[in-house]
């Protein structure tokens, strides 16, 4: 019931934790307006309003569009190998998928 009452009060009544930057909180509130016609990105300037928001200041939108941005995290091979140690959470039919290790010598 508490969550329901918070939702009814609206996004403007939400108090974000202090570790959330004011620009980030402002962006979230503008994206989560109850009325879709008031949401950032759905106004006169469309997506440009989102791109020009202070939280995105300095972001390379052209690099995103071209696909030339450097990823913030590049997992190491050992990390990927670690993921292979776990079974998928769904049943996998026999013979469906063959897992081949490239460049790894198995004992």
C-alpha atoms as a PDB file:
ATOM      1  CA  UNK A   1       0.000   0.000   0.000  1.00  0.00           C
ATOM      2  CA  UNK A   2       2.913   2.341   0.728  1.00  0.00           C
ATOM      3  CA  UNK A   3       4.279   1.980  -2.828  1.00  0.00           C
ATOM      4  CA  UNK A   4       0.804   2.565  -4.263  1.00  0.00           C
ATOM      5  CA  UNK A   5       0.445   5.816  -2.291  1.00  0.00           C
ATOM      6  CA  UNK A   6       3.878   7.001  -3.434  1.00  0.00           C
ATOM      7  CA  UNK A   7       2.883   6.331  -7.051  1.00  0.00           C
ATOM      8  CA  UNK A   8      -0.339   8.310  -6.597  1.00  0.00           C
ATOM      9  CA  UNK A   9       1.626  11.315  -5.296  1.00  0.00           C
ATOM     10  CA  UNK A  10       3.528  11.487  -8.582  1.00  0.00           C
ATOM     11  CA  UNK A  11       7.139  11.655  -9.708  1.00  0.00           C
ATOM     12  CA  UNK A  12       7.619  15.243  -8.513  1.00  0.00           C
ATOM     13  CA  UNK A  13       7.135  14.120  -4.913  1.00  0.00           C
ATOM     14  CA  UNK A  14       9.937  11.541  -5.087  1.00  0.00           C
ATOM     15  CA  UNK A  15      13.039  12.350  -3.049  1.00  0.00           C
ATOM     16  CA  UNK A  16      16.107  10.824  -4.645  1.00  0.00           C
ATOM     17  CA  UNK A  17      19.053   9.636  -2.530  1.00  0.00           C
ATOM     18  CA  UNK A  18      21.787  12.257  -2.109  1.00  0.00           C
ATOM     19  CA  UNK A  19      24.202  10.149  -4.164  1.00  0.00           C
ATOM     20  CA  UNK A  20      21.985  10.704  -7.246  1.00  0.00           C
ATOM     21  CA  UNK A  21      23.166  13.828  -9.077  1.00  0.00           C
ATOM     22  CA  UNK A  22      20.602  16.623  -9.333  1.00  0.00           C
ATOM     23  CA  UNK A  23      20.846  16.565 -13.137  1.00  0.00           C
ATOM     24  CA  UNK A  24      20.148  12.815 -13.154  1.00  0.00           C
ATOM     25  CA  UNK A  25      17.134  13.224 -10.851  1.00  0.00           C
ATOM     26  CA  UNK A  26      15.848  16.060 -13.036  1.00  0.00           C
ATOM     27  CA  UNK A  27      16.187  13.918 -16.180  1.00  0.00           C
ATOM     28  CA  UNK A  28      14.363  10.995 -14.559  1.00  0.00           C
ATOM     29  CA  UNK A  29      11.516  13.239 -13.410  1.00  0.00           C
ATOM     30  CA  UNK A  30      11.156  14.788 -16.871  1.00  0.00           C
ATOM     31  CA  UNK A  31      11.110  11.344 -18.533  1.00  0.00           C
ATOM     32  CA  UNK A  32       8.569   9.946 -16.055  1.00  0.00           C
ATOM     33  CA  UNK A  33       5.824  12.560 -16.318  1.00  0.00           C
ATOM     34  CA  UNK A  34       2.356  11.090 -15.835  1.00  0.00           C
ATOM     35  CA  UNK A  35       1.017  12.786 -18.952  1.00  0.00           C
ATOM     36  CA  UNK A  36       2.909  11.504 -22.042  1.00  0.00           C
ATOM     37  CA  UNK A  37       2.521  14.870 -23.779  1.00  0.00           C
ATOM     38  CA  UNK A  38       4.602  16.462 -20.978  1.00  0.00           C
ATOM     39  CA  UNK A  39       7.478  13.964 -21.121  1.00  0.00           C
ATOM     40  CA  UNK A  40      10.936  14.976 -22.252  1.00  0.00           C
ATOM     41  CA  UNK A  41      11.412  13.610 -25.753  1.00  0.00           C
ATOM     42  CA  UNK A  42       7.722  14.017 -26.529  1.00  0.00           C
ATOM     43  CA  UNK A  43       7.746  17.812 -26.602  1.00  0.00           C
ATOM     44  CA  UNK A  44       8.208  20.279 -29.478  1.00  0.00           C
ATOM     45  CA  UNK A  45      11.908  19.441 -30.053  1.00  0.00           C
ATOM     46  CA  UNK A  46      11.491  15.675 -29.667  1.00  0.00           C
ATOM     47  CA  UNK A  47      14.595  13.654 -28.864  1.00  0.00           C
ATOM     48  CA  UNK A  48      16.784  16.770 -29.144  1.00  0.00           C
ATOM     49  CA  UNK A  49      15.385  17.875 -25.779  1.00  0.00           C
ATOM     50  CA  UNK A  50      16.801  14.686 -24.258  1.00  0.00           C
ATOM     51  CA  UNK A  51      20.136  15.076 -26.036  1.00  0.00           C
ATOM     52  CA  UNK A  52      20.483  18.670 -24.811  1.00  0.00           C
ATOM     53  CA  UNK A  53      19.642  17.862 -21.188  1.00  0.00           C
ATOM     54  CA  UNK A  54      22.427  18.835 -18.743  1.00  0.00           C
ATOM     55  CA  UNK A  55      22.930  15.226 -17.614  1.00  0.00           C
ATOM     56  CA  UNK A  56      24.101  14.328 -21.137  1.00  0.00           C
ATOM     57  CA  UNK A  57      26.458  17.319 -21.342  1.00  0.00           C
ATOM     58  CA  UNK A  58      29.650  16.216 -23.081  1.00  0.00           C
ATOM     59  CA  UNK A  59      28.152  12.959 -24.366  1.00  0.00           C
ATOM     60  CA  UNK A  60      29.237  12.020 -27.893  1.00  0.00           C
ATOM     61  CA  UNK A  61      25.884  11.519 -29.641  1.00  0.00           C
ATOM     62  CA  UNK A  62      27.551  11.368 -33.055  1.00  0.00           C
ATOM     63  CA  UNK A  63      29.823   8.561 -31.839  1.00  0.00           C
ATOM     64  CA  UNK A  64      26.760   6.698 -30.578  1.00  0.00           C
ATOM     65  CA  UNK A  65      25.007   7.146 -33.921  1.00  0.00           C
ATOM     66  CA  UNK A  66      28.072   5.919 -35.847  1.00  0.00           C
ATOM     67  CA  UNK A  67      28.770   3.083 -33.411  1.00  0.00           C
ATOM     68  CA  UNK A  68      32.303   4.307 -32.706  1.00  0.00           C
ATOM     69  CA  UNK A  69      32.065   4.845 -28.940  1.00  0.00           C
ATOM     70  CA  UNK A  70      34.484   2.942 -26.755  1.00  0.00           C
ATOM     71  CA  UNK A  71      32.530   0.660 -24.402  1.00  0.00           C
ATOM     72  CA  UNK A  72      32.853   1.608 -20.723  1.00  0.00           C
ATOM     73  CA  UNK A  73      33.554  -2.026 -19.792  1.00  0.00           C
ATOM     74  CA  UNK A  74      35.343  -4.578 -21.944  1.00  0.00           C
ATOM     75  CA  UNK A  75      35.054  -7.995 -20.273  1.00  0.00           C
ATOM     76  CA  UNK A  76      38.160 -10.115 -20.191  1.00  0.00           C
ATOM     77  CA  UNK A  77      38.204 -13.635 -21.621  1.00  0.00           C
ATOM     78  CA  UNK A  78      38.394 -15.005 -18.092  1.00  0.00           C
ATOM     79  CA  UNK A  79      35.131 -13.196 -17.269  1.00  0.00           C
ATOM     80  CA  UNK A  80      33.400 -14.779 -20.273  1.00  0.00           C
ATOM     81  CA  UNK A  81      34.832 -18.186 -19.305  1.00  0.00           C
ATOM     82  CA  UNK A  82      33.442 -17.620 -15.807  1.00  0.00           C
ATOM     83  CA  UNK A  83      29.965 -17.106 -17.298  1.00  0.00           C
ATOM     84  CA  UNK A  84      30.242 -20.411 -19.162  1.00  0.00           C
ATOM     85  CA  UNK A  85      30.496 -22.241 -15.831  1.00  0.00           C
ATOM     86  CA  UNK A  86      26.810 -21.608 -15.201  1.00  0.00           C
ATOM     87  CA  UNK A  87      23.960 -23.465 -16.824  1.00  0.00           C
ATOM     88  CA  UNK A  88      21.236 -21.426 -18.503  1.00  0.00           C
ATOM     89  CA  UNK A  89      18.090 -21.030 -16.367  1.00  0.00           C
ATOM     90  CA  UNK A  90      15.977 -22.714 -19.066  1.00  0.00           C
ATOM     91  CA  UNK A  91      16.081 -26.291 -20.434  1.00  0.00           C
ATOM     92  CA  UNK A  92      18.357 -26.733 -23.454  1.00  0.00           C
ATOM     93  CA  UNK A  93      17.406 -29.631 -25.774  1.00  0.00           C
ATOM     94  CA  UNK A  94      20.118 -32.265 -26.318  1.00  0.00           C
ATOM     95  CA  UNK A  95      22.219 -31.591 -29.410  1.00  0.00           C
ATOM     96  CA  UNK A  96      20.730 -28.112 -29.787  1.00  0.00           C
ATOM     97  CA  UNK A  97      23.845 -26.147 -29.136  1.00  0.00           C
ATOM     98  CA  UNK A  98      27.469 -27.106 -29.315  1.00  0.00           C
ATOM     99  CA  UNK A  99      29.916 -25.208 -27.159  1.00  0.00           C
ATOM    100  CA  UNK A 100      33.393 -24.945 -28.613  1.00  0.00           C
ATOM    101  CA  UNK A 101      36.286 -23.290 -26.859  1.00  0.00           C
ATOM    102  CA  UNK A 102      38.574 -21.348 -29.124  1.00  0.00           C
ATOM    103  CA  UNK A 103      42.186 -21.106 -28.040  1.00  0.00           C
ATOM    104  CA  UNK A 104      41.677 -22.981 -24.756  1.00  0.00           C
ATOM    105  CA  UNK A 105      43.397 -26.306 -24.130  1.00  0.00           C
ATOM    106  CA  UNK A 106      41.181 -28.626 -22.112  1.00  0.00           C
ATOM    107  CA  UNK A 107      42.755 -31.271 -19.906  1.00  0.00           C
END
